Amino acid sequence: MAMVQITLNGIRKEVAENITLKDLLSQMDLPKFFVVEKNMKIVYKENFETELIKNGDSIEIATFCGGG
């Protein structure tokens, strides 16, 4: 299985080639509400299954937390 290099929340990471964003996110322990940015563009939840991860991609995952 070929691997590609990405940057995930500022950290270089190696992942399998041709996985989808949904595949990548399923490997992570994420809260219910989060936003994903790929190469400085927001990716909407309905596109997670079709958005392929490619070599050199930069993925940022932002979570929400309340406070007061």
PDB file of N, CA and C in Angstrom:
ATOM      1  N   MET A   1       0.845  -1.178   0.000  1.00  0.00           N
ATOM      2  CA  MET A   1       0.000   0.000   0.000  1.00  0.00           C
ATOM      3  C   MET A   1       0.893   1.243   0.000  1.00  0.00           C
ATOM      4  N   ALA A   2       0.665   2.116  -0.950  1.00  0.00           N
ATOM      5  CA  ALA A   2       1.447   3.341  -1.054  1.00  0.00           C
ATOM      6  C   ALA A   2       0.987   4.336   0.011  1.00  0.00           C
ATOM      7  N   MET A   3       1.922   5.151   0.453  1.00  0.00           N
ATOM      8  CA  MET A   3       1.644   6.150   1.473  1.00  0.00           C
ATOM      9  C   MET A   3       1.897   7.536   0.900  1.00  0.00           C
ATOM     10  N   VAL A   4       1.208   8.533   1.459  1.00  0.00           N
ATOM     11  CA  VAL A   4       1.411   9.929   1.080  1.00  0.00           C
ATOM     12  C   VAL A   4       1.672  10.748   2.341  1.00  0.00           C
ATOM     13  N   GLN A   5       2.341  11.874   2.172  1.00  0.00           N
ATOM     14  CA  GLN A   5       2.639  12.784   3.273  1.00  0.00           C
ATOM     15  C   GLN A   5       1.604  13.897   3.303  1.00  0.00           C
ATOM     16  N   ILE A   6       1.028  14.137   4.476  1.00  0.00           N
ATOM     17  CA  ILE A   6       0.115  15.266   4.654  1.00  0.00           C
ATOM     18  C   ILE A   6       0.531  16.028   5.905  1.00  0.00           C
ATOM     19  N   THR A   7      -0.058  17.175   6.090  1.00  0.00           N
ATOM     20  CA  THR A   7       0.096  17.914   7.336  1.00  0.00           C
ATOM     21  C   THR A   7      -1.271  17.936   7.993  1.00  0.00           C
ATOM     22  N   LEU A   8      -1.345  17.404   9.206  1.00  0.00           N
ATOM     23  CA  LEU A   8      -2.601  17.318   9.939  1.00  0.00           C
ATOM     24  C   LEU A   8      -2.475  18.152  11.197  1.00  0.00           C
ATOM     25  N   ASN A   9      -3.207  19.258  11.257  1.00  0.00           N
ATOM     26  CA  ASN A   9      -3.129  20.199  12.387  1.00  0.00           C
ATOM     27  C   ASN A   9      -1.683  20.583  12.697  1.00  0.00           C
ATOM     28  N   GLY A  10      -0.938  20.869  11.638  1.00  0.00           N
ATOM     29  CA  GLY A  10       0.426  21.353  11.782  1.00  0.00           C
ATOM     30  C   GLY A  10       1.482  20.276  11.973  1.00  0.00           C
ATOM     31  N   ILE A  11       1.092  19.008  11.970  1.00  0.00           N
ATOM     32  CA  ILE A  11       2.030  17.901  12.192  1.00  0.00           C
ATOM     33  C   ILE A  11       2.113  17.047  10.931  1.00  0.00           C
ATOM     34  N   ARG A  12       3.346  16.788  10.467  1.00  0.00           N
ATOM     35  CA  ARG A  12       3.539  15.929   9.294  1.00  0.00           C
ATOM     36  C   ARG A  12       3.108  14.520   9.647  1.00  0.00           C
ATOM     37  N   LYS A  13       2.378  13.887   8.724  1.00  0.00           N
ATOM     38  CA  LYS A  13       1.847  12.550   8.985  1.00  0.00           C
ATOM     39  C   LYS A  13       1.827  11.777   7.677  1.00  0.00           C
ATOM     40  N   GLU A  14       2.015  10.475   7.771  1.00  0.00           N
ATOM     41  CA  GLU A  14       1.937   9.609   6.613  1.00  0.00           C
ATOM     42  C   GLU A  14       0.625   8.831   6.671  1.00  0.00           C
ATOM     43  N   VAL A  15      -0.124   8.843   5.577  1.00  0.00           N
ATOM     44  CA  VAL A  15      -1.395   8.114   5.511  1.00  0.00           C
ATOM     45  C   VAL A  15      -1.444   7.326   4.208  1.00  0.00           C
ATOM     46  N   ALA A  16      -2.342   6.366   4.145  1.00  0.00           N
ATOM     47  CA  ALA A  16      -2.488   5.553   2.943  1.00  0.00           C
ATOM     48  C   ALA A  16      -2.945   6.417   1.768  1.00  0.00           C
ATOM     49  N   GLU A  17      -2.431   6.111   0.609  1.00  0.00           N
ATOM     50  CA  GLU A  17      -2.807   6.818  -0.609  1.00  0.00           C
ATOM     51  C   GLU A  17      -4.265   6.516  -0.958  1.00  0.00           C
ATOM     52  N   ASN A  18      -4.952   7.503  -1.498  1.00  0.00           N
ATOM     53  CA  ASN A  18      -6.333   7.371  -1.981  1.00  0.00           C
ATOM     54  C   ASN A  18      -7.373   7.088  -0.907  1.00  0.00           C
ATOM     55  N   ILE A  19      -7.103   7.476   0.345  1.00  0.00           N
ATOM     56  CA  ILE A  19      -8.166   7.377   1.341  1.00  0.00           C
ATOM     57  C   ILE A  19      -9.007   8.644   1.263  1.00  0.00           C
ATOM     58  N   THR A  20     -10.216   8.541   1.741  1.00  0.00           N
ATOM     59  CA  THR A  20     -11.094   9.707   1.747  1.00  0.00           C
ATOM     60  C   THR A  20     -10.935  10.450   3.073  1.00  0.00           C
ATOM     61  N   LEU A  21     -11.447  11.640   3.088  1.00  0.00           N
ATOM     62  CA  LEU A  21     -11.443  12.419   4.320  1.00  0.00           C
ATOM     63  C   LEU A  21     -12.238  11.671   5.395  1.00  0.00           C
ATOM     64  N   LYS A  22     -13.326  11.028   5.006  1.00  0.00           N
ATOM     65  CA  LYS A  22     -14.120  10.239   5.958  1.00  0.00           C
ATOM     66  C   LYS A  22     -13.271   9.131   6.577  1.00  0.00           C
ATOM     67  N   ASP A  23     -12.459   8.442   5.756  1.00  0.00           N
ATOM     68  CA  ASP A  23     -11.571   7.386   6.261  1.00  0.00           C
ATOM     69  C   ASP A  23     -10.584   7.949   7.282  1.00  0.00           C
ATOM     70  N   LEU A  24      -9.996   9.088   6.955  1.00  0.00           N
ATOM     71  CA  LEU A  24      -9.028   9.715   7.854  1.00  0.00           C
ATOM     72  C   LEU A  24      -9.684  10.094   9.171  1.00  0.00           C
ATOM     73  N   LEU A  25     -10.848  10.729   9.093  1.00  0.00           N
ATOM     74  CA  LEU A  25     -11.529  11.181  10.302  1.00  0.00           C
ATOM     75  C   LEU A  25     -12.004  10.016  11.166  1.00  0.00           C
ATOM     76  N   SER A  26     -12.346   8.897  10.539  1.00  0.00           N
ATOM     77  CA  SER A  26     -12.821   7.734  11.302  1.00  0.00           C
ATOM     78  C   SER A  26     -11.718   7.139  12.176  1.00  0.00           C
ATOM     79  N   GLN A  27     -10.461   7.443  11.883  1.00  0.00           N
ATOM     80  CA  GLN A  27      -9.332   6.951  12.657  1.00  0.00           C
ATOM     81  C   GLN A  27      -9.055   7.841  13.870  1.00  0.00           C
ATOM     82  N   MET A  28      -9.798   8.919  13.996  1.00  0.00           N
ATOM     83  CA  MET A  28      -9.546   9.900  15.045  1.00  0.00           C
ATOM     84  C   MET A  28     -10.687   9.925  16.055  1.00  0.00           C
ATOM     85  N   ASP A  29     -10.365  10.307  17.267  1.00  0.00           N
ATOM     86  CA  ASP A  29     -11.371  10.450  18.313  1.00  0.00           C
ATOM     87  C   ASP A  29     -11.805  11.914  18.339  1.00  0.00           C
ATOM     88  N   LEU A  30     -12.868  12.216  17.609  1.00  0.00           N
ATOM     89  CA  LEU A  30     -13.317  13.603  17.462  1.00  0.00           C
ATOM     90  C   LEU A  30     -14.614  13.832  18.225  1.00  0.00           C
ATOM     91  N   PRO A  31     -14.812  15.049  18.706  1.00  0.00           N
ATOM     92  CA  PRO A  31     -16.089  15.374  19.352  1.00  0.00           C
ATOM     93  C   PRO A  31     -17.197  15.455  18.299  1.00  0.00           C
ATOM     94  N   LYS A  32     -18.397  15.653  18.762  1.00  0.00           N
ATOM     95  CA  LYS A  32     -19.556  15.693  17.862  1.00  0.00           C
ATOM     96  C   LYS A  32     -19.490  16.849  16.869  1.00  0.00           C
ATOM     97  N   PHE A  33     -19.013  17.998  17.312  1.00  0.00           N
ATOM     98  CA  PHE A  33     -18.982  19.175  16.453  1.00  0.00           C
ATOM     99  C   PHE A  33     -17.544  19.559  16.125  1.00  0.00           C
ATOM    100  N   PHE A  34     -17.242  19.613  14.832  1.00  0.00           N
ATOM    101  CA  PHE A  34     -15.915  20.010  14.373  1.00  0.00           C
ATOM    102  C   PHE A  34     -16.028  20.522  12.936  1.00  0.00           C
ATOM    103  N   VAL A  35     -15.004  21.228  12.508  1.00  0.00           N
ATOM    104  CA  VAL A  35     -14.930  21.764  11.153  1.00  0.00           C
ATOM    105  C   VAL A  35     -13.623  21.280  10.541  1.00  0.00           C
ATOM    106  N   VAL A  36     -13.671  20.943   9.254  1.00  0.00           N
ATOM    107  CA  VAL A  36     -12.475  20.475   8.557  1.00  0.00           C
ATOM    108  C   VAL A  36     -12.135  21.452   7.438  1.00  0.00           C
ATOM    109  N   GLU A  37     -10.857  21.801   7.392  1.00  0.00           N
ATOM    110  CA  GLU A  37     -10.335  22.662   6.337  1.00  0.00           C
ATOM    111  C   GLU A  37      -9.253  21.876   5.604  1.00  0.00           C
ATOM    112  N   LYS A  38      -9.364  21.808   4.295  1.00  0.00           N
ATOM    113  CA  LYS A  38      -8.344  21.128   3.476  1.00  0.00           C
ATOM    114  C   LYS A  38      -7.757  22.147   2.523  1.00  0.00           C
ATOM    115  N   ASN A  39      -6.471  22.351   2.625  1.00  0.00           N
ATOM    116  CA  ASN A  39      -5.767  23.313   1.769  1.00  0.00           C
ATOM    117  C   ASN A  39      -6.444  24.687   1.791  1.00  0.00           C
ATOM    118  N   MET A  40      -6.778  25.111   3.010  1.00  0.00           N
ATOM    119  CA  MET A  40      -7.335  26.429   3.286  1.00  0.00           C
ATOM    120  C   MET A  40      -8.765  26.629   2.770  1.00  0.00           C
ATOM    121  N   LYS A  41      -9.491  25.526   2.528  1.00  0.00           N
ATOM    122  CA  LYS A  41     -10.892  25.610   2.115  1.00  0.00           C
ATOM    123  C   LYS A  41     -11.715  24.684   2.997  1.00  0.00           C
ATOM    124  N   ILE A  42     -12.846  25.172   3.467  1.00  0.00           N
ATOM    125  CA  ILE A  42     -13.741  24.364   4.295  1.00  0.00           C
ATOM    126  C   ILE A  42     -14.294  23.205   3.467  1.00  0.00           C
ATOM    127  N   VAL A  43     -14.300  22.011   4.076  1.00  0.00           N
ATOM    128  CA  VAL A  43     -14.913  20.843   3.442  1.00  0.00           C
ATOM    129  C   VAL A  43     -16.196  20.545   4.214  1.00  0.00           C
ATOM    130  N   TYR A  44     -17.304  20.533   3.515  1.00  0.00           N
ATOM    131  CA  TYR A  44     -18.590  20.282   4.156  1.00  0.00           C
ATOM    132  C   TYR A  44     -18.786  18.784   4.404  1.00  0.00           C
ATOM    133  N   LYS A  45     -19.475  18.486   5.483  1.00  0.00           N
ATOM    134  CA  LYS A  45     -19.669  17.107   5.933  1.00  0.00           C
ATOM    135  C   LYS A  45     -20.190  16.206   4.810  1.00  0.00           C
ATOM    136  N   GLU A  46     -21.076  16.708   3.977  1.00  0.00           N
ATOM    137  CA  GLU A  46     -21.636  15.880   2.912  1.00  0.00           C
ATOM    138  C   GLU A  46     -20.602  15.493   1.853  1.00  0.00           C
ATOM    139  N   ASN A  47     -19.423  16.127   1.884  1.00  0.00           N
ATOM    140  CA  ASN A  47     -18.361  15.806   0.922  1.00  0.00           C
ATOM    141  C   ASN A  47     -17.251  14.940   1.512  1.00  0.00           C
ATOM    142  N   PHE A  48     -17.330  14.589   2.792  1.00  0.00           N
ATOM    143  CA  PHE A  48     -16.275  13.798   3.436  1.00  0.00           C
ATOM    144  C   PHE A  48     -16.029  12.471   2.714  1.00  0.00           C
ATOM    145  N   GLU A  49     -17.091  11.820   2.227  1.00  0.00           N
ATOM    146  CA  GLU A  49     -16.950  10.502   1.593  1.00  0.00           C
ATOM    147  C   GLU A  49     -16.265  10.560   0.232  1.00  0.00           C
ATOM    148  N   THR A  50     -16.331  11.678  -0.444  1.00  0.00           N
ATOM    149  CA  THR A  50     -15.771  11.770  -1.793  1.00  0.00           C
ATOM    150  C   THR A  50     -14.475  12.575  -1.858  1.00  0.00           C
ATOM    151  N   GLU A  51     -14.128  13.269  -0.783  1.00  0.00           N
ATOM    152  CA  GLU A  51     -12.927  14.125  -0.766  1.00  0.00           C
ATOM    153  C   GLU A  51     -11.692  13.261  -0.519  1.00  0.00           C
ATOM    154  N   LEU A  52     -10.881  13.055  -1.580  1.00  0.00           N
ATOM    155  CA  LEU A  52      -9.689  12.225  -1.467  1.00  0.00           C
ATOM    156  C   LEU A  52      -8.522  12.993  -0.854  1.00  0.00           C
ATOM    157  N   ILE A  53      -7.738  12.289  -0.062  1.00  0.00           N
ATOM    158  CA  ILE A  53      -6.526  12.854   0.528  1.00  0.00           C
ATOM    159  C   ILE A  53      -5.384  12.618  -0.451  1.00  0.00           C
ATOM    160  N   LYS A  54      -4.639  13.672  -0.749  1.00  0.00           N
ATOM    161  CA  LYS A  54      -3.541  13.568  -1.714  1.00  0.00           C
ATOM    162  C   LYS A  54      -2.233  14.016  -1.067  1.00  0.00           C
ATOM    163  N   ASN A  55      -1.133  13.594  -1.672  1.00  0.00           N
ATOM    164  CA  ASN A  55       0.185  13.956  -1.185  1.00  0.00           C
ATOM    165  C   ASN A  55       0.321  15.473  -1.087  1.00  0.00           C
ATOM    166  N   GLY A  56       0.796  15.938   0.060  1.00  0.00           N
ATOM    167  CA  GLY A  56       1.019  17.367   0.264  1.00  0.00           C
ATOM    168  C   GLY A  56      -0.172  18.129   0.817  1.00  0.00           C
ATOM    169  N   ASP A  57      -1.317  17.465   0.973  1.00  0.00           N
ATOM    170  CA  ASP A  57      -2.492  18.152   1.506  1.00  0.00           C
ATOM    171  C   ASP A  57      -2.237  18.640   2.928  1.00  0.00           C
ATOM    172  N   SER A  58      -2.870  19.752   3.238  1.00  0.00           N
ATOM    173  CA  SER A  58      -2.832  20.309   4.588  1.00  0.00           C
ATOM    174  C   SER A  58      -4.256  20.257   5.139  1.00  0.00           C
ATOM    175  N   ILE A  59      -4.438  19.514   6.215  1.00  0.00           N
ATOM    176  CA  ILE A  59      -5.750  19.323   6.826  1.00  0.00           C
ATOM    177  C   ILE A  59      -5.731  19.960   8.214  1.00  0.00           C
ATOM    178  N   GLU A  60      -6.707  20.796   8.477  1.00  0.00           N
ATOM    179  CA  GLU A  60      -6.869  21.388   9.801  1.00  0.00           C
ATOM    180  C   GLU A  60      -8.246  20.998  10.325  1.00  0.00           C
ATOM    181  N   ILE A  61      -8.293  20.526  11.564  1.00  0.00           N
ATOM    182  CA  ILE A  61      -9.544  20.154  12.194  1.00  0.00           C
ATOM    183  C   ILE A  61      -9.715  21.049  13.422  1.00  0.00           C
ATOM    184  N   ALA A  62     -10.801  21.796  13.419  1.00  0.00           N
ATOM    185  CA  ALA A  62     -11.089  22.702  14.532  1.00  0.00           C
ATOM    186  C   ALA A  62     -12.302  22.185  15.273  1.00  0.00           C
ATOM    187  N   THR A  63     -12.191  22.153  16.602  1.00  0.00           N
ATOM    188  CA  THR A  63     -13.319  21.726  17.433  1.00  0.00           C
ATOM    189  C   THR A  63     -13.849  22.925  18.190  1.00  0.00           C
ATOM    190  N   PHE A  64     -15.052  22.798  18.674  1.00  0.00           N
ATOM    191  CA  PHE A  64     -15.697  23.871  19.401  1.00  0.00           C
ATOM    192  C   PHE A  64     -15.768  23.519  20.886  1.00  0.00           C
ATOM    193  N   CYS A  65     -15.561  24.514  21.699  1.00  0.00           N
ATOM    194  CA  CYS A  65     -15.729  24.290  23.130  1.00  0.00           C
ATOM    195  C   CYS A  65     -16.415  25.520  23.723  1.00  0.00           C
ATOM    196  N   GLY A  66     -17.276  25.248  24.658  1.00  0.00           N
ATOM    197  CA  GLY A  66     -17.995  26.340  25.299  1.00  0.00           C
ATOM    198  C   GLY A  66     -17.255  26.810  26.545  1.00  0.00           C
ATOM    199  N   GLY A  67     -17.608  27.923  26.989  1.00  0.00           N
ATOM    200  CA  GLY A  67     -16.983  28.463  28.179  1.00  0.00           C
ATOM    201  C   GLY A  67     -17.719  29.707  28.622  1.00  0.00           C
ATOM    202  N   GLY A  68     -17.258  30.205  29.690  1.00  0.00           N
ATOM    203  CA  GLY A  68     -17.965  31.390  30.141  1.00  0.00           C
ATOM    204  C   GLY A  68     -17.192  32.194  31.033  1.00  0.00           C
TER     205      GLY A  68
END
